Amino acid sequence: MPIRVNLDCGDERPPGYLGFDILKRAGPDVICDLNVSIPLAGDRVEQVRAQSSLEHIDQLERLLGEVSRILKPGGTFYVYVPHWSNPFDYSDYTHRRWFGLVTFEYFVDSQDQVYRRVPVYSTPRFRTSHIRLIFGSPFSLLRWLMKGFQWLINRRVGLPLFNEYHLSSLVPCYAIEYALHCKE
């Protein structure tokens, strides 16, 4: 049976996933500090999911090293994080860092980087298979308009970068979805 892990699961986690969290709540199977380690053997996990959790991590590079250690070669790391232009992101005092379109490029070999060539400072190495900007609004009237804008921006590879450079102050992005694969 494939092992799937949900990091910082809180009180909810998808069926079939082992839940990890620092706080003892209803959801986690394992209580641990993700800034330190993930208590699993290496090369065993098919999928790791981190939804609205990495922004709370102090030691992101260490955690990504742990994720690449526990993932099987070719395993998938699904990430959903708030975008830096989301007003709810920078107003939440529990957030330790901000994420942009190229944040995870620093953990991808330069020949595999999608949007911009950036230096690679760390050991964890992933391949990017999917990046998508998510748009939303707390105002119901704007939600449908934002969904259409999301569809348009994510249609071409260069448009998300154009949005981040030139439009994000006018049309804030809500979140970013990444799918990363552990290098084989």
N, C-alpha and C. Protein backbone atom coordinates (compact mmCIF):
# COMPACT_ATOMS: atom_id res chain seq x y z
N MET A 1 0.84 -1.18 0.00
CA MET A 1 0.00 0.00 0.00
C MET A 1 0.89 1.25 0.00
N PRO A 2 0.64 2.20 -0.90
CA PRO A 2 1.48 3.39 -0.97
C PRO A 2 1.34 4.26 0.28
N ILE A 3 2.45 4.83 0.69
CA ILE A 3 2.44 5.73 1.85
C ILE A 3 2.31 7.15 1.33
N ARG A 4 1.33 7.86 1.89
CA ARG A 4 1.12 9.27 1.55
C ARG A 4 1.08 10.06 2.85
N VAL A 5 1.70 11.24 2.82
CA VAL A 5 1.90 12.04 4.02
C VAL A 5 1.28 13.42 3.83
N ASN A 6 0.59 13.89 4.86
CA ASN A 6 0.04 15.24 4.88
C ASN A 6 0.74 16.01 6.00
N LEU A 7 1.51 17.05 5.63
CA LEU A 7 2.27 17.83 6.60
C LEU A 7 1.41 18.92 7.22
N ASP A 8 1.58 19.14 8.51
CA ASP A 8 0.88 20.19 9.24
C ASP A 8 -0.62 20.09 8.99
N CYS A 9 -1.14 18.90 9.24
CA CYS A 9 -2.51 18.56 8.84
C CYS A 9 -3.59 19.24 9.66
N GLY A 10 -3.27 19.69 10.86
CA GLY A 10 -4.31 20.29 11.70
C GLY A 10 -5.37 19.27 12.04
N ASP A 11 -6.63 19.69 11.99
CA ASP A 11 -7.74 18.80 12.32
C ASP A 11 -8.29 18.06 11.12
N GLU A 12 -7.77 18.35 9.94
CA GLU A 12 -8.28 17.71 8.73
C GLU A 12 -7.14 17.13 7.91
N ARG A 13 -7.42 16.02 7.30
CA ARG A 13 -6.48 15.45 6.34
C ARG A 13 -7.25 14.57 5.39
N PRO A 14 -6.76 14.45 4.17
CA PRO A 14 -7.47 13.62 3.20
C PRO A 14 -7.41 12.14 3.59
N PRO A 15 -8.39 11.37 3.22
CA PRO A 15 -8.36 9.93 3.50
C PRO A 15 -7.14 9.29 2.84
N GLY A 16 -6.54 8.35 3.55
CA GLY A 16 -5.39 7.62 3.01
C GLY A 16 -4.05 8.28 3.26
N TYR A 17 -4.04 9.40 3.96
CA TYR A 17 -2.79 10.11 4.26
C TYR A 17 -2.47 9.98 5.74
N LEU A 18 -1.17 9.84 6.05
CA LEU A 18 -0.70 9.93 7.43
C LEU A 18 -0.59 11.41 7.76
N GLY A 19 -1.14 11.84 8.87
CA GLY A 19 -1.10 13.24 9.25
C GLY A 19 0.02 13.53 10.22
N PHE A 20 0.76 14.61 9.95
CA PHE A 20 1.86 15.06 10.81
C PHE A 20 1.58 16.49 11.24
N ASP A 21 1.78 16.80 12.52
CA ASP A 21 1.58 18.15 13.01
C ASP A 21 2.33 18.31 14.32
N ILE A 22 2.65 19.55 14.65
CA ILE A 22 3.33 19.82 15.91
C ILE A 22 2.35 19.88 17.08
N LEU A 23 1.08 20.18 16.78
CA LEU A 23 0.06 20.28 17.81
C LEU A 23 -0.78 19.02 17.86
N LYS A 24 -1.12 18.61 19.07
CA LYS A 24 -2.00 17.46 19.22
C LYS A 24 -3.44 17.93 19.04
N ARG A 25 -4.01 17.52 17.95
CA ARG A 25 -5.39 17.86 17.63
C ARG A 25 -6.06 16.58 17.15
N ALA A 26 -7.17 16.72 16.50
CA ALA A 26 -7.92 15.54 16.04
C ALA A 26 -7.28 14.88 14.81
N GLY A 27 -6.56 15.63 14.00
CA GLY A 27 -6.10 15.12 12.71
C GLY A 27 -4.81 14.33 12.67
N PRO A 28 -3.76 14.71 13.41
CA PRO A 28 -2.46 14.06 13.18
C PRO A 28 -2.35 12.64 13.74
N ASP A 29 -1.63 11.82 12.99
CA ASP A 29 -1.24 10.50 13.46
C ASP A 29 0.08 10.59 14.21
N VAL A 30 0.92 11.55 13.79
CA VAL A 30 2.26 11.71 14.37
C VAL A 30 2.42 13.15 14.82
N ILE A 31 2.84 13.34 16.06
CA ILE A 31 3.14 14.67 16.59
C ILE A 31 4.64 14.87 16.45
N CYS A 32 5.04 15.90 15.69
CA CYS A 32 6.47 16.16 15.51
C CYS A 32 6.66 17.61 15.08
N ASP A 33 7.88 18.11 15.26
CA ASP A 33 8.25 19.46 14.84
C ASP A 33 8.83 19.36 13.44
N LEU A 34 8.10 19.84 12.45
CA LEU A 34 8.55 19.75 11.06
C LEU A 34 9.77 20.61 10.77
N ASN A 35 10.11 21.53 11.68
CA ASN A 35 11.35 22.29 11.54
C ASN A 35 12.57 21.44 11.82
N VAL A 36 12.36 20.31 12.50
CA VAL A 36 13.48 19.45 12.89
C VAL A 36 13.59 18.24 11.96
N SER A 37 12.53 17.45 11.85
CA SER A 37 12.59 16.25 11.00
C SER A 37 11.19 15.69 10.78
N ILE A 38 11.14 14.76 9.83
CA ILE A 38 9.93 13.97 9.60
C ILE A 38 10.30 12.55 9.99
N PRO A 39 9.72 12.01 11.05
CA PRO A 39 10.14 10.70 11.56
C PRO A 39 9.64 9.53 10.70
N LEU A 40 10.22 9.39 9.53
CA LEU A 40 9.94 8.28 8.63
C LEU A 40 11.24 7.83 7.97
N ALA A 41 11.28 6.57 7.58
CA ALA A 41 12.45 6.05 6.86
C ALA A 41 12.50 6.68 5.47
N GLY A 42 13.70 6.74 4.91
CA GLY A 42 13.90 7.36 3.60
C GLY A 42 13.40 6.51 2.45
N ASP A 43 13.11 7.19 1.34
CA ASP A 43 12.71 6.55 0.07
C ASP A 43 11.51 5.62 0.21
N ARG A 44 10.52 6.00 1.01
CA ARG A 44 9.36 5.13 1.23
C ARG A 44 8.03 5.76 0.82
N VAL A 45 7.99 7.07 0.68
CA VAL A 45 6.73 7.79 0.54
C VAL A 45 6.45 8.11 -0.93
N GLU A 46 5.21 7.85 -1.36
CA GLU A 46 4.80 8.15 -2.75
C GLU A 46 4.44 9.62 -2.93
N GLN A 47 3.73 10.18 -1.95
CA GLN A 47 3.26 11.56 -2.05
C GLN A 47 3.38 12.26 -0.71
N VAL A 48 3.77 13.53 -0.78
CA VAL A 48 3.74 14.41 0.38
C VAL A 48 2.88 15.60 0.00
N ARG A 49 2.01 15.97 0.91
CA ARG A 49 1.08 17.09 0.67
C ARG A 49 1.30 18.12 1.76
N ALA A 50 1.46 19.39 1.34
CA ALA A 50 1.59 20.50 2.28
C ALA A 50 0.65 21.60 1.82
N GLN A 51 -0.50 21.71 2.47
CA GLN A 51 -1.48 22.72 2.09
C GLN A 51 -1.60 23.76 3.19
N SER A 52 -1.26 24.99 2.84
CA SER A 52 -1.33 26.12 3.78
C SER A 52 -0.53 25.81 5.05
N SER A 53 0.67 25.28 4.86
CA SER A 53 1.50 24.94 6.03
C SER A 53 2.93 25.46 5.93
N LEU A 54 3.51 25.50 4.76
CA LEU A 54 4.92 25.87 4.64
C LEU A 54 5.19 27.31 5.05
N GLU A 55 4.19 28.17 4.98
CA GLU A 55 4.37 29.56 5.40
C GLU A 55 4.58 29.67 6.91
N HIS A 56 4.30 28.61 7.66
CA HIS A 56 4.48 28.60 9.11
C HIS A 56 5.82 28.00 9.53
N ILE A 57 6.59 27.50 8.59
CA ILE A 57 7.83 26.78 8.88
C ILE A 57 9.01 27.74 8.98
N ASP A 58 9.80 27.61 10.06
CA ASP A 58 11.00 28.43 10.23
C ASP A 58 12.15 27.90 9.36
N GLN A 59 12.29 26.60 9.31
CA GLN A 59 13.42 25.95 8.63
C GLN A 59 12.97 25.31 7.32
N LEU A 60 12.60 26.12 6.32
CA LEU A 60 12.07 25.60 5.07
C LEU A 60 13.07 24.69 4.35
N GLU A 61 14.31 25.11 4.26
CA GLU A 61 15.31 24.30 3.55
C GLU A 61 15.48 22.94 4.23
N ARG A 62 15.50 22.93 5.54
CA ARG A 62 15.64 21.67 6.27
C ARG A 62 14.42 20.77 6.00
N LEU A 63 13.22 21.36 6.03
CA LEU A 63 12.01 20.57 5.78
C LEU A 63 12.01 20.01 4.36
N LEU A 64 12.41 20.81 3.37
CA LEU A 64 12.45 20.31 2.00
C LEU A 64 13.48 19.20 1.85
N GLY A 65 14.57 19.28 2.60
CA GLY A 65 15.54 18.18 2.62
C GLY A 65 14.92 16.91 3.17
N GLU A 66 14.11 17.05 4.22
CA GLU A 66 13.41 15.91 4.79
C GLU A 66 12.39 15.33 3.81
N VAL A 67 11.68 16.21 3.11
CA VAL A 67 10.70 15.74 2.12
C VAL A 67 11.41 14.96 1.02
N SER A 68 12.53 15.50 0.51
CA SER A 68 13.24 14.78 -0.56
C SER A 68 13.85 13.48 -0.03
N ARG A 69 14.18 13.42 1.25
CA ARG A 69 14.73 12.19 1.85
C ARG A 69 13.67 11.10 1.95
N ILE A 70 12.45 11.45 2.37
CA ILE A 70 11.43 10.41 2.58
C ILE A 70 10.72 10.00 1.29
N LEU A 71 10.72 10.88 0.28
CA LEU A 71 10.06 10.54 -0.98
C LEU A 71 10.83 9.49 -1.75
N LYS A 72 10.09 8.58 -2.36
CA LYS A 72 10.70 7.64 -3.30
C LYS A 72 11.19 8.44 -4.51
N PRO A 73 12.20 7.97 -5.23
CA PRO A 73 12.57 8.64 -6.47
C PRO A 73 11.35 8.74 -7.39
N GLY A 74 11.09 9.94 -7.88
CA GLY A 74 9.91 10.17 -8.70
C GLY A 74 8.66 10.49 -7.91
N GLY A 75 8.74 10.41 -6.56
CA GLY A 75 7.58 10.72 -5.72
C GLY A 75 7.19 12.18 -5.86
N THR A 76 5.95 12.49 -5.51
CA THR A 76 5.40 13.82 -5.74
C THR A 76 5.20 14.60 -4.45
N PHE A 77 5.56 15.86 -4.51
CA PHE A 77 5.38 16.79 -3.40
C PHE A 77 4.39 17.86 -3.87
N TYR A 78 3.16 17.83 -3.33
CA TYR A 78 2.13 18.81 -3.66
C TYR A 78 2.18 19.93 -2.64
N VAL A 79 2.27 21.16 -3.12
CA VAL A 79 2.38 22.32 -2.25
C VAL A 79 1.30 23.32 -2.61
N TYR A 80 0.64 23.85 -1.60
CA TYR A 80 -0.32 24.94 -1.77
C TYR A 80 0.04 25.97 -0.70
N VAL A 81 0.48 27.15 -1.14
CA VAL A 81 0.89 28.21 -0.21
C VAL A 81 0.25 29.53 -0.62
N PRO A 82 0.05 30.43 0.34
CA PRO A 82 -0.46 31.75 -0.03
C PRO A 82 0.58 32.52 -0.84
N HIS A 83 0.12 33.30 -1.78
CA HIS A 83 1.00 34.17 -2.57
C HIS A 83 1.32 35.42 -1.75
N TRP A 84 2.50 35.99 -1.95
CA TRP A 84 2.91 37.16 -1.18
C TRP A 84 1.99 38.36 -1.36
N SER A 85 1.26 38.44 -2.47
CA SER A 85 0.39 39.60 -2.69
C SER A 85 -0.98 39.44 -2.04
N ASN A 86 -1.26 38.31 -1.45
CA ASN A 86 -2.53 38.06 -0.76
C ASN A 86 -2.52 38.83 0.57
N PRO A 87 -3.43 39.79 0.77
CA PRO A 87 -3.43 40.56 2.02
C PRO A 87 -3.58 39.70 3.28
N PHE A 88 -4.26 38.57 3.16
CA PHE A 88 -4.39 37.69 4.32
C PHE A 88 -3.06 37.02 4.67
N ASP A 89 -2.16 36.90 3.69
CA ASP A 89 -0.87 36.28 3.94
C ASP A 89 0.01 37.17 4.81
N TYR A 90 0.24 38.38 4.38
CA TYR A 90 1.16 39.23 5.14
C TYR A 90 0.54 39.82 6.40
N SER A 91 -0.76 39.65 6.60
CA SER A 91 -1.36 40.14 7.84
C SER A 91 -1.43 39.06 8.93
N ASP A 92 -1.11 37.81 8.58
CA ASP A 92 -1.13 36.71 9.55
C ASP A 92 0.22 36.65 10.27
N TYR A 93 0.26 36.99 11.53
CA TYR A 93 1.51 37.04 12.27
C TYR A 93 2.17 35.67 12.45
N THR A 94 1.44 34.58 12.22
CA THR A 94 2.04 33.25 12.36
C THR A 94 2.83 32.84 11.12
N HIS A 95 2.72 33.60 10.04
CA HIS A 95 3.46 33.28 8.82
C HIS A 95 4.91 33.73 8.97
N ARG A 96 5.81 32.83 8.65
CA ARG A 96 7.25 33.08 8.80
C ARG A 96 7.92 33.49 7.50
N ARG A 97 7.25 33.27 6.37
CA ARG A 97 7.86 33.58 5.07
C ARG A 97 6.78 33.78 4.04
N TRP A 98 7.18 34.35 2.91
CA TRP A 98 6.28 34.61 1.80
C TRP A 98 6.74 33.80 0.60
N PHE A 99 5.79 33.50 -0.27
CA PHE A 99 6.07 32.69 -1.45
C PHE A 99 5.67 33.42 -2.72
N GLY A 100 6.53 33.32 -3.72
CA GLY A 100 6.25 33.86 -5.04
C GLY A 100 6.37 32.75 -6.06
N LEU A 101 6.19 33.13 -7.29
CA LEU A 101 6.19 32.19 -8.39
C LEU A 101 7.49 31.39 -8.49
N VAL A 102 8.62 32.02 -8.23
CA VAL A 102 9.90 31.33 -8.41
C VAL A 102 10.53 30.82 -7.12
N THR A 103 9.81 30.86 -6.01
CA THR A 103 10.39 30.43 -4.73
C THR A 103 10.98 29.03 -4.82
N PHE A 104 10.27 28.09 -5.41
CA PHE A 104 10.76 26.72 -5.43
C PHE A 104 11.79 26.47 -6.53
N GLU A 105 12.02 27.47 -7.40
CA GLU A 105 13.08 27.33 -8.41
C GLU A 105 14.44 27.18 -7.73
N TYR A 106 14.58 27.69 -6.52
CA TYR A 106 15.85 27.58 -5.79
C TYR A 106 16.14 26.14 -5.35
N PHE A 107 15.17 25.26 -5.48
CA PHE A 107 15.34 23.86 -5.11
C PHE A 107 15.29 22.94 -6.34
N VAL A 108 15.39 23.55 -7.52
CA VAL A 108 15.34 22.83 -8.79
C VAL A 108 16.63 23.12 -9.53
N ASP A 109 17.23 22.11 -10.14
CA ASP A 109 18.45 22.33 -10.93
C ASP A 109 18.20 23.38 -11.99
N SER A 110 19.23 24.19 -12.30
CA SER A 110 19.05 25.35 -13.17
C SER A 110 18.48 24.98 -14.54
N GLN A 111 18.86 23.84 -15.10
CA GLN A 111 18.33 23.46 -16.43
C GLN A 111 16.84 23.12 -16.37
N ASP A 112 16.30 22.86 -15.18
CA ASP A 112 14.88 22.52 -15.03
C ASP A 112 14.03 23.68 -14.51
N GLN A 113 14.62 24.84 -14.29
CA GLN A 113 13.87 25.98 -13.77
C GLN A 113 12.95 26.52 -14.86
N VAL A 114 11.74 26.88 -14.48
CA VAL A 114 10.70 27.25 -15.44
C VAL A 114 10.69 28.74 -15.75
N TYR A 115 10.71 29.60 -14.75
CA TYR A 115 10.46 31.02 -14.96
C TYR A 115 11.69 31.90 -14.97
N ARG A 116 12.68 31.54 -14.19
CA ARG A 116 13.84 32.41 -14.10
C ARG A 116 15.02 31.59 -13.61
N ARG A 117 16.18 31.85 -14.15
CA ARG A 117 17.38 31.16 -13.68
C ARG A 117 17.83 31.80 -12.38
N VAL A 118 17.81 31.02 -11.32
CA VAL A 118 18.22 31.50 -10.01
C VAL A 118 19.31 30.57 -9.49
N PRO A 119 20.14 31.06 -8.58
CA PRO A 119 21.16 30.18 -8.01
C PRO A 119 20.52 29.08 -7.16
N VAL A 120 21.19 27.96 -7.10
CA VAL A 120 20.72 26.84 -6.29
C VAL A 120 21.66 26.77 -5.09
N TYR A 121 21.11 27.05 -3.91
CA TYR A 121 21.91 27.13 -2.69
C TYR A 121 21.84 25.86 -1.85
N SER A 122 20.95 24.98 -2.17
CA SER A 122 20.66 23.90 -1.24
C SER A 122 20.80 22.53 -1.87
N THR A 123 20.73 21.52 -1.02
CA THR A 123 20.84 20.14 -1.47
C THR A 123 19.54 19.57 -2.02
N PRO A 124 18.37 19.83 -1.41
CA PRO A 124 17.15 19.21 -1.93
C PRO A 124 16.94 19.55 -3.40
N ARG A 125 16.67 18.54 -4.18
CA ARG A 125 16.48 18.75 -5.62
C ARG A 125 15.15 18.13 -6.05
N PHE A 126 14.39 18.94 -6.73
CA PHE A 126 13.10 18.51 -7.26
C PHE A 126 13.03 18.88 -8.73
N ARG A 127 12.08 18.31 -9.43
CA ARG A 127 11.70 18.73 -10.77
C ARG A 127 10.30 19.30 -10.67
N THR A 128 10.07 20.42 -11.32
CA THR A 128 8.75 21.04 -11.30
C THR A 128 7.89 20.43 -12.39
N SER A 129 6.70 19.97 -12.03
CA SER A 129 5.80 19.46 -13.06
C SER A 129 4.56 20.33 -13.22
N HIS A 130 4.31 21.21 -12.24
CA HIS A 130 3.08 22.01 -12.30
C HIS A 130 3.24 23.23 -11.39
N ILE A 131 2.93 24.41 -11.93
CA ILE A 131 2.83 25.63 -11.14
C ILE A 131 1.58 26.34 -11.61
N ARG A 132 0.74 26.74 -10.66
CA ARG A 132 -0.49 27.43 -11.04
C ARG A 132 -0.79 28.51 -10.01
N LEU A 133 -1.09 29.71 -10.49
CA LEU A 133 -1.52 30.79 -9.61
C LEU A 133 -3.02 30.64 -9.35
N ILE A 134 -3.42 30.85 -8.12
CA ILE A 134 -4.82 30.75 -7.71
C ILE A 134 -5.31 32.14 -7.34
N PHE A 135 -6.44 32.53 -7.91
CA PHE A 135 -7.01 33.84 -7.63
C PHE A 135 -8.36 33.66 -6.95
N GLY A 136 -8.66 34.54 -6.04
CA GLY A 136 -9.93 34.49 -5.34
C GLY A 136 -10.23 35.86 -4.76
N SER A 137 -11.34 35.96 -4.12
CA SER A 137 -11.73 37.21 -3.49
C SER A 137 -12.68 36.90 -2.34
N PRO A 138 -12.60 37.67 -1.26
CA PRO A 138 -13.57 37.49 -0.19
C PRO A 138 -14.94 38.07 -0.56
N PHE A 139 -15.02 38.75 -1.69
CA PHE A 139 -16.26 39.37 -2.14
C PHE A 139 -16.91 38.50 -3.20
N SER A 140 -18.11 38.04 -2.94
CA SER A 140 -18.77 37.08 -3.83
C SER A 140 -18.93 37.62 -5.25
N LEU A 141 -19.15 38.89 -5.41
CA LEU A 141 -19.33 39.47 -6.73
C LEU A 141 -18.07 39.31 -7.60
N LEU A 142 -16.91 39.35 -6.97
CA LEU A 142 -15.65 39.26 -7.71
C LEU A 142 -15.14 37.84 -7.92
N ARG A 143 -15.69 36.87 -7.21
CA ARG A 143 -15.15 35.50 -7.29
C ARG A 143 -15.16 34.94 -8.70
N TRP A 144 -16.25 35.11 -9.42
CA TRP A 144 -16.32 34.57 -10.79
C TRP A 144 -15.36 35.29 -11.72
N LEU A 145 -15.25 36.59 -11.55
CA LEU A 145 -14.30 37.35 -12.35
C LEU A 145 -12.87 36.86 -12.10
N MET A 146 -12.54 36.60 -10.84
CA MET A 146 -11.20 36.11 -10.49
C MET A 146 -10.95 34.72 -11.04
N LYS A 147 -11.96 33.86 -11.08
CA LYS A 147 -11.80 32.52 -11.67
C LYS A 147 -11.48 32.63 -13.16
N GLY A 148 -12.14 33.54 -13.85
CA GLY A 148 -11.84 33.76 -15.26
C GLY A 148 -10.44 34.30 -15.46
N PHE A 149 -10.03 35.23 -14.59
CA PHE A 149 -8.68 35.78 -14.65
C PHE A 149 -7.65 34.67 -14.40
N GLN A 150 -7.94 33.82 -13.43
CA GLN A 150 -7.06 32.68 -13.13
C GLN A 150 -6.89 31.79 -14.36
N TRP A 151 -7.99 31.47 -15.02
CA TRP A 151 -7.94 30.64 -16.21
C TRP A 151 -7.07 31.29 -17.28
N LEU A 152 -7.24 32.58 -17.48
CA LEU A 152 -6.47 33.31 -18.49
C LEU A 152 -4.98 33.34 -18.16
N ILE A 153 -4.64 33.69 -16.94
CA ILE A 153 -3.23 33.83 -16.54
C ILE A 153 -2.48 32.50 -16.61
N ASN A 154 -3.14 31.41 -16.28
CA ASN A 154 -2.46 30.11 -16.25
C ASN A 154 -2.44 29.40 -17.60
N ARG A 155 -2.95 30.03 -18.64
CA ARG A 155 -2.99 29.41 -19.97
C ARG A 155 -1.63 29.32 -20.63
N ARG A 156 -0.76 30.29 -20.43
CA ARG A 156 0.55 30.35 -21.08
C ARG A 156 1.64 30.46 -20.02
N VAL A 157 2.78 29.88 -20.31
CA VAL A 157 3.88 29.84 -19.33
C VAL A 157 4.31 31.23 -18.89
N GLY A 158 4.39 32.20 -19.78
CA GLY A 158 4.90 33.52 -19.42
C GLY A 158 3.92 34.41 -18.68
N LEU A 159 2.63 34.12 -18.75
CA LEU A 159 1.64 35.00 -18.15
C LEU A 159 1.69 35.05 -16.61
N PRO A 160 1.92 33.95 -15.91
CA PRO A 160 2.03 34.08 -14.45
C PRO A 160 3.18 35.00 -14.03
N LEU A 161 4.30 34.93 -14.73
CA LEU A 161 5.43 35.81 -14.41
C LEU A 161 5.07 37.26 -14.73
N PHE A 162 4.42 37.49 -15.86
CA PHE A 162 3.95 38.84 -16.20
C PHE A 162 3.02 39.36 -15.12
N ASN A 163 2.11 38.51 -14.66
CA ASN A 163 1.19 38.91 -13.59
C ASN A 163 1.95 39.29 -12.33
N GLU A 164 2.92 38.49 -11.95
CA GLU A 164 3.64 38.77 -10.72
C GLU A 164 4.44 40.07 -10.81
N TYR A 165 5.04 40.33 -11.96
CA TYR A 165 5.82 41.55 -12.14
C TYR A 165 4.96 42.81 -12.27
N HIS A 166 3.86 42.72 -13.02
CA HIS A 166 3.17 43.93 -13.42
C HIS A 166 1.73 44.09 -12.90
N LEU A 167 1.07 43.02 -12.54
CA LEU A 167 -0.34 43.12 -12.20
C LEU A 167 -0.68 42.81 -10.75
N SER A 168 0.25 42.24 -10.00
CA SER A 168 -0.08 41.75 -8.67
C SER A 168 -0.52 42.84 -7.70
N SER A 169 -0.10 44.07 -7.92
CA SER A 169 -0.58 45.13 -7.03
C SER A 169 -2.03 45.52 -7.36
N LEU A 170 -2.43 45.29 -8.61
CA LEU A 170 -3.82 45.58 -9.01
C LEU A 170 -4.75 44.39 -8.77
N VAL A 171 -4.23 43.20 -9.08
CA VAL A 171 -5.02 41.98 -8.95
C VAL A 171 -4.20 41.01 -8.08
N PRO A 172 -4.34 41.08 -6.76
CA PRO A 172 -3.56 40.21 -5.89
C PRO A 172 -3.88 38.73 -6.14
N CYS A 173 -2.85 37.94 -6.12
CA CYS A 173 -2.98 36.50 -6.27
C CYS A 173 -3.29 35.91 -4.89
N TYR A 174 -4.14 34.92 -4.83
CA TYR A 174 -4.51 34.32 -3.55
C TYR A 174 -3.49 33.29 -3.08
N ALA A 175 -3.10 32.37 -3.99
CA ALA A 175 -2.20 31.28 -3.60
C ALA A 175 -1.44 30.76 -4.82
N ILE A 176 -0.52 29.86 -4.55
CA ILE A 176 0.23 29.18 -5.60
C ILE A 176 0.16 27.68 -5.34
N GLU A 177 -0.07 26.92 -6.39
CA GLU A 177 -0.01 25.45 -6.33
C GLU A 177 1.24 24.99 -7.06
N TYR A 178 1.98 24.11 -6.43
CA TYR A 178 3.15 23.51 -7.06
C TYR A 178 2.99 21.99 -6.98
N ALA A 179 3.46 21.31 -8.02
CA ALA A 179 3.67 19.87 -7.94
C ALA A 179 5.12 19.65 -8.30
N LEU A 180 5.86 19.09 -7.37
CA LEU A 180 7.29 18.84 -7.54
C LEU A 180 7.53 17.35 -7.45
N HIS A 181 8.48 16.87 -8.24
CA HIS A 181 8.84 15.45 -8.18
C HIS A 181 10.25 15.32 -7.65
N CYS A 182 10.46 14.34 -6.82
CA CYS A 182 11.77 14.06 -6.29
C CYS A 182 12.63 13.51 -7.41
N LYS A 183 13.83 14.06 -7.58
CA LYS A 183 14.71 13.61 -8.66
C LYS A 183 15.14 12.16 -8.43
N GLU A 184 15.24 11.45 -9.53
CA GLU A 184 15.62 10.03 -9.44
C GLU A 184 17.11 9.87 -9.52
